[in-house]
């Protein structure tokens, strides 16, 4: 399940909650950005230098990759395919560029398992408040994320599902319902 949405929309929280419920594993992305306070390498992200990231990209280790907010992000192929082959659902919170790469993937396993969800804020004022409340963004960084949010939100029609965020509890209930419904698709049961 590919999950996209602007920074602060709640997509990472939803993925982590689904993992905590034992419904899926949350793919840990790789990034070149600096860790935020409290983030742990290998748990929140795999933090790499730009040179390390580019080396992995050159070796074809990424399932998808993109530059977002000036930093590189990517998902390791091995993590996704190993879990899917074992019958374990994988949720990935990735940007719209990465989601488009996954949609274009011609791997039979990925195509059979693929579902994508766009998590959208109720409105831009709500999004700005969420980002401000995180306390991790400077004024300049916050404005860049808000500018990028408008660009990202324009991509919502490309997704199979759109979840307009409300309360955390209702967001999780609807998010889990998508996963449960997708497990019952006839095409997946064969």
N, C-alpha and C. Protein backbone atom coordinates (compact mmCIF):
# COMPACT_ATOMS: atom_id res chain seq x y z
N UNK A 1 0.86 -1.17 0.00
CA UNK A 1 0.00 0.00 0.00
C UNK A 1 0.90 1.22 0.00
N UNK A 2 0.85 1.97 -1.07
CA UNK A 2 1.59 3.21 -1.19
C UNK A 2 0.72 4.32 -0.62
N UNK A 3 1.28 5.09 0.30
CA UNK A 3 0.54 6.16 0.96
C UNK A 3 1.29 7.47 0.75
N UNK A 4 0.60 8.45 0.14
CA UNK A 4 1.21 9.74 -0.12
C UNK A 4 0.33 10.84 0.45
N UNK A 5 0.90 11.99 0.55
CA UNK A 5 0.20 13.17 1.01
C UNK A 5 1.23 14.19 1.44
N UNK A 6 0.83 15.43 1.59
CA UNK A 6 1.80 16.44 1.99
C UNK A 6 2.33 16.20 3.40
N UNK A 7 3.50 16.75 3.69
CA UNK A 7 4.06 16.68 5.04
C UNK A 7 3.03 17.20 6.02
N UNK A 8 2.82 16.45 7.10
CA UNK A 8 1.87 16.87 8.11
C UNK A 8 0.47 16.34 7.92
N UNK A 9 0.23 15.59 6.85
CA UNK A 9 -1.12 15.08 6.59
C UNK A 9 -1.49 13.90 7.48
N UNK A 10 -0.48 13.27 8.09
CA UNK A 10 -0.74 12.13 8.98
C UNK A 10 -0.42 10.79 8.37
N UNK A 11 0.16 10.77 7.17
CA UNK A 11 0.40 9.49 6.48
C UNK A 11 1.36 8.58 7.23
N UNK A 12 2.43 9.13 7.78
CA UNK A 12 3.39 8.30 8.51
C UNK A 12 2.76 7.75 9.78
N UNK A 13 2.01 8.57 10.47
CA UNK A 13 1.33 8.12 11.68
C UNK A 13 0.38 6.97 11.36
N UNK A 14 -0.37 7.08 10.28
CA UNK A 14 -1.30 6.01 9.90
C UNK A 14 -0.55 4.72 9.60
N UNK A 15 0.54 4.81 8.87
CA UNK A 15 1.33 3.62 8.55
C UNK A 15 1.88 2.97 9.81
N UNK A 16 2.37 3.78 10.72
CA UNK A 16 2.92 3.23 11.98
C UNK A 16 1.83 2.61 12.83
N UNK A 17 0.65 3.21 12.84
CA UNK A 17 -0.45 2.65 13.63
C UNK A 17 -0.89 1.30 13.06
N UNK A 18 -0.95 1.18 11.73
CA UNK A 18 -1.32 -0.08 11.10
C UNK A 18 -0.29 -1.16 11.45
N UNK A 19 0.98 -0.77 11.47
CA UNK A 19 2.04 -1.71 11.84
C UNK A 19 1.88 -2.12 13.31
N UNK A 20 1.61 -1.17 14.18
CA UNK A 20 1.46 -1.47 15.61
C UNK A 20 0.29 -2.41 15.86
N UNK A 21 -0.73 -2.36 14.99
CA UNK A 21 -1.88 -3.25 15.11
C UNK A 21 -1.57 -4.65 14.57
N UNK A 22 -0.40 -4.82 13.96
CA UNK A 22 -0.03 -6.12 13.39
C UNK A 22 -0.65 -6.38 12.03
N UNK A 23 -1.18 -5.35 11.40
CA UNK A 23 -1.84 -5.50 10.09
C UNK A 23 -0.87 -5.48 8.92
N UNK A 24 0.29 -4.86 9.09
CA UNK A 24 1.25 -4.70 8.00
C UNK A 24 2.59 -4.30 8.59
N UNK A 25 3.63 -4.34 7.77
CA UNK A 25 4.91 -3.76 8.16
C UNK A 25 5.03 -2.41 7.47
N UNK A 26 5.65 -1.48 8.15
CA UNK A 26 5.85 -0.14 7.62
C UNK A 26 7.26 -0.09 7.04
N UNK A 27 7.33 0.13 5.75
CA UNK A 27 8.62 0.18 5.09
C UNK A 27 9.42 1.37 5.61
N UNK A 28 10.65 1.12 5.97
CA UNK A 28 11.53 2.19 6.44
C UNK A 28 12.25 2.76 5.23
N UNK A 29 12.02 4.03 4.97
CA UNK A 29 12.63 4.70 3.82
C UNK A 29 14.06 5.10 4.11
N UNK A 30 14.80 5.31 3.05
CA UNK A 30 16.16 5.84 3.13
C UNK A 30 16.10 7.33 2.80
N UNK A 31 16.95 8.12 3.42
CA UNK A 31 16.97 9.55 3.14
C UNK A 31 18.35 10.14 3.36
N UNK A 32 18.57 11.27 2.72
CA UNK A 32 19.80 12.03 2.93
C UNK A 32 19.58 13.21 3.87
N UNK A 33 18.33 13.41 4.33
CA UNK A 33 18.10 14.53 5.25
C UNK A 33 18.64 14.19 6.63
N UNK A 34 18.89 15.22 7.40
CA UNK A 34 19.40 15.04 8.76
C UNK A 34 18.28 14.52 9.66
N UNK A 35 18.61 13.67 10.62
CA UNK A 35 17.59 13.17 11.55
C UNK A 35 17.00 14.30 12.40
N UNK A 36 15.70 14.20 12.64
CA UNK A 36 15.05 15.12 13.57
C UNK A 36 15.30 14.59 14.98
N UNK A 37 15.15 15.44 15.99
CA UNK A 37 15.36 14.96 17.37
C UNK A 37 14.51 13.73 17.67
N UNK A 38 15.17 12.70 18.20
CA UNK A 38 14.47 11.47 18.57
C UNK A 38 14.40 10.42 17.48
N UNK A 39 14.70 10.78 16.23
CA UNK A 39 14.65 9.79 15.15
C UNK A 39 15.85 8.84 15.24
N UNK A 40 15.59 7.58 14.92
CA UNK A 40 16.59 6.53 15.04
C UNK A 40 16.87 5.91 13.67
N UNK A 41 18.16 5.78 13.34
CA UNK A 41 18.58 5.14 12.09
C UNK A 41 18.09 3.69 12.10
N UNK A 42 17.43 3.28 11.02
CA UNK A 42 16.94 1.92 10.90
C UNK A 42 15.53 1.73 11.42
N UNK A 43 15.04 2.67 12.20
CA UNK A 43 13.67 2.60 12.72
C UNK A 43 12.79 3.63 12.03
N UNK A 44 13.21 4.88 12.09
CA UNK A 44 12.43 5.95 11.46
C UNK A 44 12.81 6.09 9.98
N UNK A 45 14.10 6.09 9.72
CA UNK A 45 14.66 6.15 8.36
C UNK A 45 16.01 5.47 8.41
N UNK A 46 16.51 5.14 7.22
CA UNK A 46 17.93 4.80 7.07
C UNK A 46 18.56 6.12 6.60
N UNK A 47 19.40 6.72 7.43
CA UNK A 47 20.01 8.00 7.10
C UNK A 47 21.34 7.76 6.40
N UNK A 48 21.46 8.26 5.17
CA UNK A 48 22.68 8.10 4.37
C UNK A 48 23.18 9.45 3.92
N UNK A 49 24.48 9.51 3.67
CA UNK A 49 25.03 10.70 3.02
C UNK A 49 24.56 10.66 1.56
N UNK A 50 24.67 11.77 0.88
CA UNK A 50 24.25 11.80 -0.52
C UNK A 50 25.10 10.81 -1.34
N UNK A 51 26.38 10.71 -1.05
CA UNK A 51 27.26 9.79 -1.78
C UNK A 51 26.82 8.33 -1.56
N UNK A 52 26.51 7.97 -0.31
CA UNK A 52 26.05 6.60 -0.02
C UNK A 52 24.74 6.30 -0.74
N UNK A 53 23.84 7.26 -0.71
CA UNK A 53 22.54 7.09 -1.36
C UNK A 53 22.73 6.89 -2.87
N UNK A 54 23.56 7.73 -3.48
CA UNK A 54 23.78 7.65 -4.93
C UNK A 54 24.44 6.33 -5.32
N UNK A 55 25.30 5.81 -4.46
CA UNK A 55 25.93 4.51 -4.73
C UNK A 55 24.88 3.40 -4.75
N UNK A 56 23.97 3.42 -3.78
CA UNK A 56 22.89 2.42 -3.74
C UNK A 56 21.99 2.56 -4.97
N UNK A 57 21.72 3.78 -5.36
CA UNK A 57 20.89 4.02 -6.54
C UNK A 57 21.57 3.48 -7.79
N UNK A 58 22.86 3.71 -7.91
CA UNK A 58 23.62 3.22 -9.07
C UNK A 58 23.63 1.69 -9.13
N UNK A 59 23.55 1.05 -7.97
CA UNK A 59 23.54 -0.41 -7.92
C UNK A 59 22.12 -0.97 -8.09
N UNK A 60 21.14 -0.10 -8.30
CA UNK A 60 19.76 -0.53 -8.54
C UNK A 60 19.06 -1.08 -7.31
N UNK A 61 19.45 -0.62 -6.13
CA UNK A 61 18.88 -1.15 -4.90
C UNK A 61 17.54 -0.53 -4.51
N UNK A 62 17.16 0.56 -5.18
CA UNK A 62 15.92 1.24 -4.79
C UNK A 62 14.73 0.83 -5.64
N UNK A 63 13.63 0.62 -4.97
CA UNK A 63 12.34 0.34 -5.59
C UNK A 63 11.80 1.62 -6.22
N UNK A 64 11.99 2.70 -5.51
CA UNK A 64 11.62 4.04 -5.98
C UNK A 64 12.55 5.02 -5.29
N UNK A 65 12.73 6.17 -5.91
CA UNK A 65 13.56 7.21 -5.31
C UNK A 65 13.15 8.56 -5.87
N UNK A 66 13.36 9.59 -5.07
CA UNK A 66 13.00 10.94 -5.52
C UNK A 66 13.73 11.96 -4.65
N UNK A 67 13.83 13.16 -5.19
CA UNK A 67 14.35 14.29 -4.42
C UNK A 67 13.13 15.10 -3.97
N UNK A 68 13.01 15.27 -2.67
CA UNK A 68 11.88 15.98 -2.07
C UNK A 68 12.41 16.96 -1.05
N UNK A 69 11.94 18.20 -1.11
CA UNK A 69 12.38 19.24 -0.18
C UNK A 69 13.91 19.34 -0.14
N UNK A 70 14.55 19.07 -1.27
CA UNK A 70 16.00 19.19 -1.36
C UNK A 70 16.78 17.98 -0.89
N UNK A 71 16.09 16.94 -0.42
CA UNK A 71 16.77 15.73 0.06
C UNK A 71 16.35 14.53 -0.77
N UNK A 72 17.20 13.50 -0.80
CA UNK A 72 16.88 12.27 -1.51
C UNK A 72 16.17 11.30 -0.58
N UNK A 73 15.17 10.61 -1.12
CA UNK A 73 14.42 9.59 -0.41
C UNK A 73 14.30 8.38 -1.32
N UNK A 74 14.24 7.19 -0.74
CA UNK A 74 14.06 5.99 -1.53
C UNK A 74 13.64 4.81 -0.67
N UNK A 75 13.12 3.78 -1.35
CA UNK A 75 12.68 2.56 -0.67
C UNK A 75 13.49 1.39 -1.24
N UNK A 76 14.07 0.60 -0.35
CA UNK A 76 14.86 -0.55 -0.79
C UNK A 76 13.96 -1.63 -1.38
N UNK A 77 14.29 -2.11 -2.58
CA UNK A 77 13.53 -3.18 -3.25
C UNK A 77 13.44 -4.42 -2.37
N UNK A 78 14.56 -4.79 -1.80
CA UNK A 78 14.62 -6.05 -1.04
C UNK A 78 13.62 -6.06 0.10
N UNK A 79 13.44 -4.96 0.78
CA UNK A 79 12.53 -4.90 1.91
C UNK A 79 11.09 -5.18 1.47
N UNK A 80 10.68 -4.55 0.39
CA UNK A 80 9.30 -4.69 -0.09
C UNK A 80 9.05 -6.10 -0.62
N UNK A 81 9.88 -6.56 -1.51
CA UNK A 81 9.62 -7.86 -2.15
C UNK A 81 9.74 -9.03 -1.18
N UNK A 82 10.70 -8.99 -0.26
CA UNK A 82 10.83 -10.09 0.70
C UNK A 82 9.58 -10.22 1.56
N UNK A 83 9.02 -9.11 2.00
CA UNK A 83 7.79 -9.16 2.79
C UNK A 83 6.61 -9.65 1.97
N UNK A 84 6.45 -9.13 0.77
CA UNK A 84 5.31 -9.54 -0.07
C UNK A 84 5.38 -11.03 -0.40
N UNK A 85 6.57 -11.52 -0.68
CA UNK A 85 6.73 -12.95 -1.00
C UNK A 85 6.36 -13.83 0.19
N UNK A 86 6.49 -13.31 1.41
CA UNK A 86 6.10 -14.05 2.62
C UNK A 86 4.63 -13.85 2.95
N UNK A 87 3.92 -13.05 2.15
CA UNK A 87 2.50 -12.81 2.39
C UNK A 87 2.22 -11.72 3.42
N UNK A 88 3.21 -10.87 3.67
CA UNK A 88 3.07 -9.79 4.64
C UNK A 88 2.78 -8.49 3.89
N UNK A 89 1.71 -7.81 4.27
CA UNK A 89 1.39 -6.52 3.66
C UNK A 89 2.42 -5.48 4.06
N UNK A 90 2.75 -4.61 3.12
CA UNK A 90 3.73 -3.55 3.34
C UNK A 90 3.05 -2.21 3.09
N UNK A 91 3.17 -1.29 4.03
CA UNK A 91 2.70 0.08 3.81
C UNK A 91 3.93 0.97 3.66
N UNK A 92 3.88 1.83 2.66
CA UNK A 92 5.00 2.71 2.33
C UNK A 92 4.50 4.13 2.26
N UNK A 93 5.02 5.03 3.09
CA UNK A 93 4.64 6.43 2.94
C UNK A 93 5.72 7.11 2.09
N UNK A 94 5.34 7.42 0.87
CA UNK A 94 6.26 8.02 -0.09
C UNK A 94 5.59 9.18 -0.81
N UNK A 95 6.39 10.03 -1.38
CA UNK A 95 5.88 11.21 -2.06
C UNK A 95 5.24 10.84 -3.41
N UNK A 96 4.65 11.83 -4.05
CA UNK A 96 3.93 11.58 -5.30
C UNK A 96 4.86 11.12 -6.42
N UNK A 97 6.11 11.57 -6.43
CA UNK A 97 7.07 11.12 -7.45
C UNK A 97 7.34 9.61 -7.30
N UNK A 98 7.59 9.20 -6.07
CA UNK A 98 7.85 7.78 -5.80
C UNK A 98 6.63 6.93 -6.09
N UNK A 99 5.45 7.44 -5.76
CA UNK A 99 4.20 6.71 -6.03
C UNK A 99 4.02 6.48 -7.53
N UNK A 100 4.36 7.46 -8.33
CA UNK A 100 4.26 7.31 -9.78
C UNK A 100 5.23 6.24 -10.28
N UNK A 101 6.41 6.16 -9.68
CA UNK A 101 7.38 5.12 -10.06
C UNK A 101 6.84 3.74 -9.72
N UNK A 102 6.22 3.61 -8.57
CA UNK A 102 5.64 2.32 -8.17
C UNK A 102 4.50 1.95 -9.12
N UNK A 103 3.66 2.92 -9.45
CA UNK A 103 2.55 2.67 -10.39
C UNK A 103 3.05 2.19 -11.74
N UNK A 104 4.21 2.66 -12.15
CA UNK A 104 4.78 2.30 -13.46
C UNK A 104 5.58 1.00 -13.42
N UNK A 105 5.77 0.42 -12.24
CA UNK A 105 6.56 -0.80 -12.09
C UNK A 105 5.91 -1.95 -12.83
N UNK A 106 6.73 -2.72 -13.56
CA UNK A 106 6.17 -3.84 -14.33
C UNK A 106 6.37 -5.20 -13.66
N UNK A 107 6.87 -5.21 -12.42
CA UNK A 107 7.03 -6.45 -11.68
C UNK A 107 5.64 -7.03 -11.38
N UNK A 108 5.43 -8.31 -11.72
CA UNK A 108 4.11 -8.94 -11.58
C UNK A 108 3.62 -8.95 -10.14
N UNK A 109 4.51 -9.24 -9.19
CA UNK A 109 4.13 -9.28 -7.78
C UNK A 109 3.67 -7.89 -7.32
N UNK A 110 4.43 -6.88 -7.68
CA UNK A 110 4.09 -5.51 -7.28
C UNK A 110 2.76 -5.09 -7.91
N UNK A 111 2.57 -5.38 -9.16
CA UNK A 111 1.32 -4.99 -9.84
C UNK A 111 0.11 -5.68 -9.20
N UNK A 112 0.26 -6.94 -8.83
CA UNK A 112 -0.85 -7.67 -8.22
C UNK A 112 -1.18 -7.13 -6.83
N UNK A 113 -0.17 -6.69 -6.10
CA UNK A 113 -0.36 -6.25 -4.72
C UNK A 113 -0.62 -4.76 -4.57
N UNK A 114 -0.37 -4.00 -5.59
CA UNK A 114 -0.38 -2.53 -5.49
C UNK A 114 -1.75 -1.94 -5.19
N UNK A 115 -1.76 -1.04 -4.23
CA UNK A 115 -2.90 -0.17 -3.95
C UNK A 115 -2.29 1.14 -3.46
N UNK A 116 -2.93 2.27 -3.81
CA UNK A 116 -2.39 3.53 -3.32
C UNK A 116 -3.47 4.43 -2.75
N UNK A 117 -3.06 5.20 -1.75
CA UNK A 117 -3.96 6.06 -0.98
C UNK A 117 -3.32 7.44 -0.85
N UNK A 118 -4.10 8.47 -1.15
CA UNK A 118 -3.63 9.84 -0.93
C UNK A 118 -4.30 10.37 0.32
N UNK A 119 -3.50 10.78 1.30
CA UNK A 119 -4.02 11.35 2.54
C UNK A 119 -3.96 12.87 2.40
N UNK A 120 -5.12 13.47 2.46
CA UNK A 120 -5.23 14.91 2.23
C UNK A 120 -5.68 15.63 3.50
N UNK A 121 -5.11 16.78 3.76
CA UNK A 121 -5.61 17.56 4.90
C UNK A 121 -7.01 18.06 4.59
N UNK A 122 -7.75 18.37 5.65
CA UNK A 122 -9.10 18.91 5.47
C UNK A 122 -9.02 20.24 4.71
N UNK A 123 -8.05 21.06 5.06
CA UNK A 123 -7.80 22.31 4.34
C UNK A 123 -6.37 22.76 4.65
N UNK A 124 -5.91 23.80 3.96
CA UNK A 124 -4.52 24.24 4.12
C UNK A 124 -4.25 24.84 5.50
N UNK A 125 -5.24 25.47 6.10
CA UNK A 125 -5.06 26.03 7.44
C UNK A 125 -4.80 24.90 8.44
N UNK A 126 -5.53 23.79 8.29
CA UNK A 126 -5.33 22.62 9.15
C UNK A 126 -3.92 22.06 8.96
N UNK A 127 -3.48 21.99 7.71
CA UNK A 127 -2.15 21.47 7.43
C UNK A 127 -1.07 22.35 8.04
N UNK A 128 -1.21 23.65 7.88
CA UNK A 128 -0.21 24.57 8.44
C UNK A 128 -0.16 24.45 9.96
N UNK A 129 -1.31 24.29 10.59
CA UNK A 129 -1.36 24.13 12.05
C UNK A 129 -0.66 22.83 12.46
N UNK A 130 -0.91 21.74 11.74
CA UNK A 130 -0.26 20.46 12.06
C UNK A 130 1.26 20.58 11.95
N UNK A 131 1.72 21.21 10.87
CA UNK A 131 3.17 21.36 10.69
C UNK A 131 3.77 22.25 11.77
N UNK A 132 3.08 23.31 12.10
CA UNK A 132 3.57 24.22 13.15
C UNK A 132 3.63 23.52 14.50
N UNK A 133 2.62 22.71 14.80
CA UNK A 133 2.56 22.01 16.09
C UNK A 133 3.65 20.96 16.24
N UNK A 134 4.19 20.45 15.11
CA UNK A 134 5.29 19.49 15.21
C UNK A 134 6.52 20.12 15.83
N UNK A 135 6.69 21.42 15.60
CA UNK A 135 7.84 22.13 16.16
C UNK A 135 9.16 21.73 15.54
N UNK A 136 9.12 21.15 14.34
CA UNK A 136 10.36 20.71 13.69
C UNK A 136 10.72 21.56 12.49
N UNK A 137 9.88 22.52 12.16
CA UNK A 137 10.10 23.32 10.95
C UNK A 137 10.41 24.77 11.30
N UNK A 138 11.44 25.32 10.65
CA UNK A 138 11.70 26.74 10.77
C UNK A 138 10.69 27.48 9.89
N UNK A 139 10.64 28.79 10.00
CA UNK A 139 9.71 29.57 9.19
C UNK A 139 9.90 29.33 7.71
N UNK A 140 11.15 29.31 7.26
CA UNK A 140 11.46 29.10 5.84
C UNK A 140 11.09 27.68 5.41
N UNK A 141 11.43 26.71 6.24
CA UNK A 141 11.12 25.31 5.94
C UNK A 141 9.61 25.09 5.91
N UNK A 142 8.90 25.72 6.82
CA UNK A 142 7.44 25.60 6.86
C UNK A 142 6.82 26.15 5.58
N UNK A 143 7.29 27.27 5.13
CA UNK A 143 6.76 27.86 3.90
C UNK A 143 7.06 26.98 2.69
N UNK A 144 8.25 26.38 2.65
CA UNK A 144 8.58 25.46 1.55
C UNK A 144 7.65 24.26 1.56
N UNK A 145 7.40 23.70 2.73
CA UNK A 145 6.51 22.54 2.84
C UNK A 145 5.07 22.91 2.44
N UNK A 146 4.63 24.11 2.79
CA UNK A 146 3.28 24.55 2.39
C UNK A 146 3.21 24.74 0.87
N UNK A 147 4.25 25.31 0.29
CA UNK A 147 4.30 25.49 -1.17
C UNK A 147 4.27 24.13 -1.87
N UNK A 148 5.09 23.20 -1.36
CA UNK A 148 5.14 21.86 -1.94
C UNK A 148 3.83 21.11 -1.73
N UNK A 149 3.14 21.39 -0.63
CA UNK A 149 1.85 20.73 -0.36
C UNK A 149 0.84 21.02 -1.47
N UNK A 150 0.81 22.25 -1.94
CA UNK A 150 -0.12 22.60 -3.02
C UNK A 150 0.18 21.80 -4.28
N UNK A 151 1.45 21.60 -4.56
CA UNK A 151 1.84 20.81 -5.74
C UNK A 151 1.45 19.35 -5.54
N UNK A 152 1.72 18.81 -4.35
CA UNK A 152 1.41 17.41 -4.06
C UNK A 152 -0.09 17.15 -4.08
N UNK A 153 -0.86 18.04 -3.49
CA UNK A 153 -2.31 17.85 -3.43
C UNK A 153 -2.93 17.77 -4.81
N UNK A 154 -2.34 18.43 -5.78
CA UNK A 154 -2.86 18.39 -7.16
C UNK A 154 -2.81 16.97 -7.75
N UNK A 155 -2.05 16.07 -7.14
CA UNK A 155 -1.90 14.70 -7.66
C UNK A 155 -2.94 13.72 -7.11
N UNK A 156 -3.81 14.13 -6.21
CA UNK A 156 -4.73 13.19 -5.58
C UNK A 156 -5.57 12.38 -6.58
N UNK A 157 -5.96 12.92 -7.76
CA UNK A 157 -6.78 12.10 -8.66
C UNK A 157 -6.05 10.88 -9.26
N UNK A 158 -4.73 10.81 -9.11
CA UNK A 158 -3.95 9.70 -9.65
C UNK A 158 -4.03 8.45 -8.76
N UNK A 159 -4.58 8.60 -7.57
CA UNK A 159 -4.60 7.52 -6.59
C UNK A 159 -5.92 6.75 -6.64
N UNK A 160 -5.88 5.50 -6.19
CA UNK A 160 -7.09 4.68 -6.14
C UNK A 160 -8.03 5.13 -5.02
N UNK A 161 -7.47 5.62 -3.92
CA UNK A 161 -8.25 6.07 -2.78
C UNK A 161 -7.74 7.44 -2.32
N UNK A 162 -8.66 8.24 -1.80
CA UNK A 162 -8.29 9.49 -1.14
C UNK A 162 -8.94 9.50 0.23
N UNK A 163 -8.13 9.76 1.24
CA UNK A 163 -8.63 9.84 2.61
C UNK A 163 -8.45 11.30 3.05
N UNK A 164 -9.57 12.02 3.16
CA UNK A 164 -9.51 13.39 3.65
C UNK A 164 -9.49 13.31 5.17
N UNK A 165 -8.41 13.82 5.74
CA UNK A 165 -8.16 13.65 7.17
C UNK A 165 -9.19 14.37 8.03
N UNK A 166 -9.58 13.65 9.08
CA UNK A 166 -10.48 14.20 10.11
C UNK A 166 -9.81 13.98 11.45
N UNK A 167 -10.43 13.20 12.31
CA UNK A 167 -9.81 12.88 13.60
C UNK A 167 -8.84 11.72 13.40
N UNK A 168 -7.90 11.58 14.31
CA UNK A 168 -6.94 10.47 14.21
C UNK A 168 -7.65 9.11 14.24
N UNK A 169 -8.65 8.99 15.10
CA UNK A 169 -9.37 7.71 15.23
C UNK A 169 -10.13 7.38 13.95
N UNK A 170 -10.82 8.34 13.37
CA UNK A 170 -11.58 8.05 12.14
C UNK A 170 -10.64 7.82 10.97
N UNK A 171 -9.52 8.54 10.93
CA UNK A 171 -8.54 8.32 9.86
C UNK A 171 -8.03 6.89 9.91
N UNK A 172 -7.67 6.41 11.10
CA UNK A 172 -7.15 5.05 11.23
C UNK A 172 -8.22 4.02 10.86
N UNK A 173 -9.43 4.24 11.29
CA UNK A 173 -10.52 3.30 10.98
C UNK A 173 -10.72 3.20 9.46
N UNK A 174 -10.74 4.32 8.78
CA UNK A 174 -10.94 4.31 7.32
C UNK A 174 -9.73 3.76 6.59
N UNK A 175 -8.53 4.07 7.09
CA UNK A 175 -7.29 3.58 6.49
C UNK A 175 -7.22 2.05 6.59
N UNK A 176 -7.53 1.53 7.76
CA UNK A 176 -7.54 0.08 7.96
C UNK A 176 -8.61 -0.59 7.10
N UNK A 177 -9.75 0.07 6.94
CA UNK A 177 -10.83 -0.48 6.11
C UNK A 177 -10.37 -0.66 4.66
N UNK A 178 -9.56 0.27 4.16
CA UNK A 178 -9.03 0.14 2.80
C UNK A 178 -8.18 -1.12 2.69
N UNK A 179 -7.28 -1.32 3.65
CA UNK A 179 -6.42 -2.50 3.63
C UNK A 179 -7.24 -3.79 3.70
N UNK A 180 -8.20 -3.82 4.60
CA UNK A 180 -9.02 -5.02 4.75
C UNK A 180 -9.82 -5.31 3.49
N UNK A 181 -10.37 -4.29 2.88
CA UNK A 181 -11.13 -4.47 1.63
C UNK A 181 -10.21 -4.97 0.51
N UNK A 182 -9.03 -4.42 0.43
CA UNK A 182 -8.10 -4.83 -0.63
C UNK A 182 -7.69 -6.29 -0.49
N UNK A 183 -7.62 -6.79 0.74
CA UNK A 183 -7.28 -8.20 0.95
C UNK A 183 -8.34 -9.14 0.41
N UNK A 184 -9.56 -8.65 0.23
CA UNK A 184 -10.65 -9.49 -0.26
C UNK A 184 -10.87 -9.41 -1.76
N UNK A 185 -10.07 -8.63 -2.46
CA UNK A 185 -10.20 -8.54 -3.92
C UNK A 185 -9.98 -9.93 -4.52
N UNK A 186 -10.82 -10.30 -5.41
CA UNK A 186 -10.74 -11.61 -6.06
C UNK A 186 -9.36 -11.79 -6.71
N UNK A 187 -8.83 -10.76 -7.35
CA UNK A 187 -7.54 -10.86 -8.03
C UNK A 187 -6.40 -11.20 -7.07
N UNK A 188 -6.55 -10.89 -5.80
CA UNK A 188 -5.49 -11.16 -4.82
C UNK A 188 -5.63 -12.54 -4.20
N UNK A 189 -6.78 -13.17 -4.33
CA UNK A 189 -7.01 -14.43 -3.65
C UNK A 189 -6.53 -15.64 -4.44
N UNK A 190 -6.13 -15.43 -5.68
CA UNK A 190 -5.74 -16.55 -6.53
C UNK A 190 -4.38 -17.04 -6.38
